[in-house]
Amino acid sequence: MAEFTMDLGEDQKQVRDWIHGFAADVIRPAAAEWDEREETPWPVIQEAAKVGIYSLDFYAQQFFDPTGLGIPMAMEELFWGDAGIALSIVGTGLAAIGVVANGTEEQIGTWIPQMYGTPDDVKVAAFCSSEPDAGSDVGSMRTRAVYDQAKDEWVLNGTKTWATNGGIANVHIVVAVVDPELGTKGHASFIVPPNTPGLSQGQKFKKHGIRASHTAEVVLEDVRIPGSCLLGGKEKLDERLARAHERARSGGGERVKNAAMATFEASRPAVGAMAVGTARAAYEVALDYAKTRTQFGRPIIDNQGVAFQLADMRTSIDAARLLVWRASWMAVAGKPFTSAEGSMSKLFASEVAKKVTAQAVQILGGNGFTREYPVERMHRDSAIYTIFEGTSEIQRLVIARTLSDMPIR
C-alpha cells in the first residue's frame, strides 16, 4: 500500500503532461464548436483513440495506480480542456467499469472491445441506470428484466433517462429489477448487444451545459437478450438474491445497503476531479485576464476586490483537489470512509466549480457574459457537477447519516 503523498512521481508527471498536452492542443480548440453544435465530437474521440487516451488500457493503467491518483489526475486534465468533450471521451468508461466490476472474464473479453471499437472506427457505450421517476431514489426503479427459461433469454421493458451516449451506443449496460421484493438489492445489470431489436433512443436532451456530450432516453420494449448477457451469470445472481432474502428475513438488510453505499462512495472522487478541472480552467482564464485588463491606468488585479476573489478561488480549488486526492488514496488503500470522505470530495469540489466559474464571469465583466470568452461555457458546464452522480443534497444526506451512524434511506 502506497503512503499518501502530494508529490507525483516522474511517471505520473509524464502522464499528466501528456494528457494536458492533448487537452490543450486537441480538446480546447474544438470546445466552442461542439458546444454550439450540441453533437458528439466524433473526430476528437477518434484522435483520443489514436493516441491511446480513449481505450480501456489507459483507464486500467490509471485505475491501478497504487497511489490512487491516476484517475483523478487524468480527469482533472481532460476536464480542464472542456467538460462536454471530456465527458464524451470518458463516458464509455462508466459502462466498461460496470462490466469489469461485475462481469465474467468471457464477458469482459467479448464486450469491452466492442465498446471502444478501433481508432479507425470508434464506438461508444452507455450505462443506463436513472429513470424518469428513479434518479436519486434508485429504489423506485421500474425497468424489469424477466427470465424466459425455455429460451434462456432475458426480456427487458422500461425507460431509462439521462443516459450518456444513450441510443447512439454500440453497447448498452442496463440496470433492471429482477426481484421487486428486494428493493435495491433486487437489481441486476445486463449487456444489450449492438442492433438488438426493441431498444431505441427516446428524447435527446438539449442541455444548459456539457452540450458536446450526448444525453438521451433509452426505451426498452420487449428487448430480448441471451442469458449470457446477464453480468456475472445467472448462478451468481441466484446466489446473491438468495442471500438477500435470507438477510431480509433475519433483519440484516441494512448491512447490505451500507455496503452498496460504500461502493458508490469510492467512485465519487472521480467526479470531484472533473469539477476541479473545470474550476481550475476558469480560474486560469480569470487570472490572465485580470493581469492584462487595464482600467483607470492599472491592471484590475491591482484592485483588492479582484485580487481577493482570485485568492479565494485558488484556495478553494486547492482544497477541493486535496479532498479528492485524499478520498482517492483512501479508496485504493482500502481505508474505510468513516466520515463519507468520498461524498465530501464530490460535494465540495462540485460547489467550488459553480462558485469559481461564476466568479470568473464576474471578473471578466461583460466579456465574461459573452461566448467570445470560455468562462461563459465553463460556468454553464459547472452546473452539472452538483446534479449528476448524486446531487449535492444527496451527498449531504450521505455525510450526515454517516456521521450520525444512521441508515441511509
Foldseek 3Di string as FASTA:
>chain_A
DDDADPDDDPVLVVVLVVLLVLLVPPLQVCALVLLVVLAAPVVSLLVCQVVPNQAPVQVVVQPVPLQLCSLLSNLLSNLLSPLLNSCSRCQQVVVLVVQVVFADPVSNVPPRCLQAPHSVDGFHEKEFQAAPPPAVNSLPFDWAWEADVVQQKIWTFDKTFFIFCAFRGQKYKYKHAHDNVLRPLRIFIFIQHGPFPQKHWDDWDCALASSNITTTMIGGDRGIDHQSGTGNGDVVSVVSVVVSVVCVVVVNNLVVVVVVVQVLLLPQLSLLSSLLSLLVSLLVVLVVQQQPDDDPHHRNCVDCVSVVLSVVLVVLSVVLVVLSSVSSSCSSVVNGPLQSSSLVSLLSSLVSSLVSLVSSLVSVDPVSCDPVDCSVNSNSHSVCSCPPSAHSVRSVQVRVCSVVVHGRD
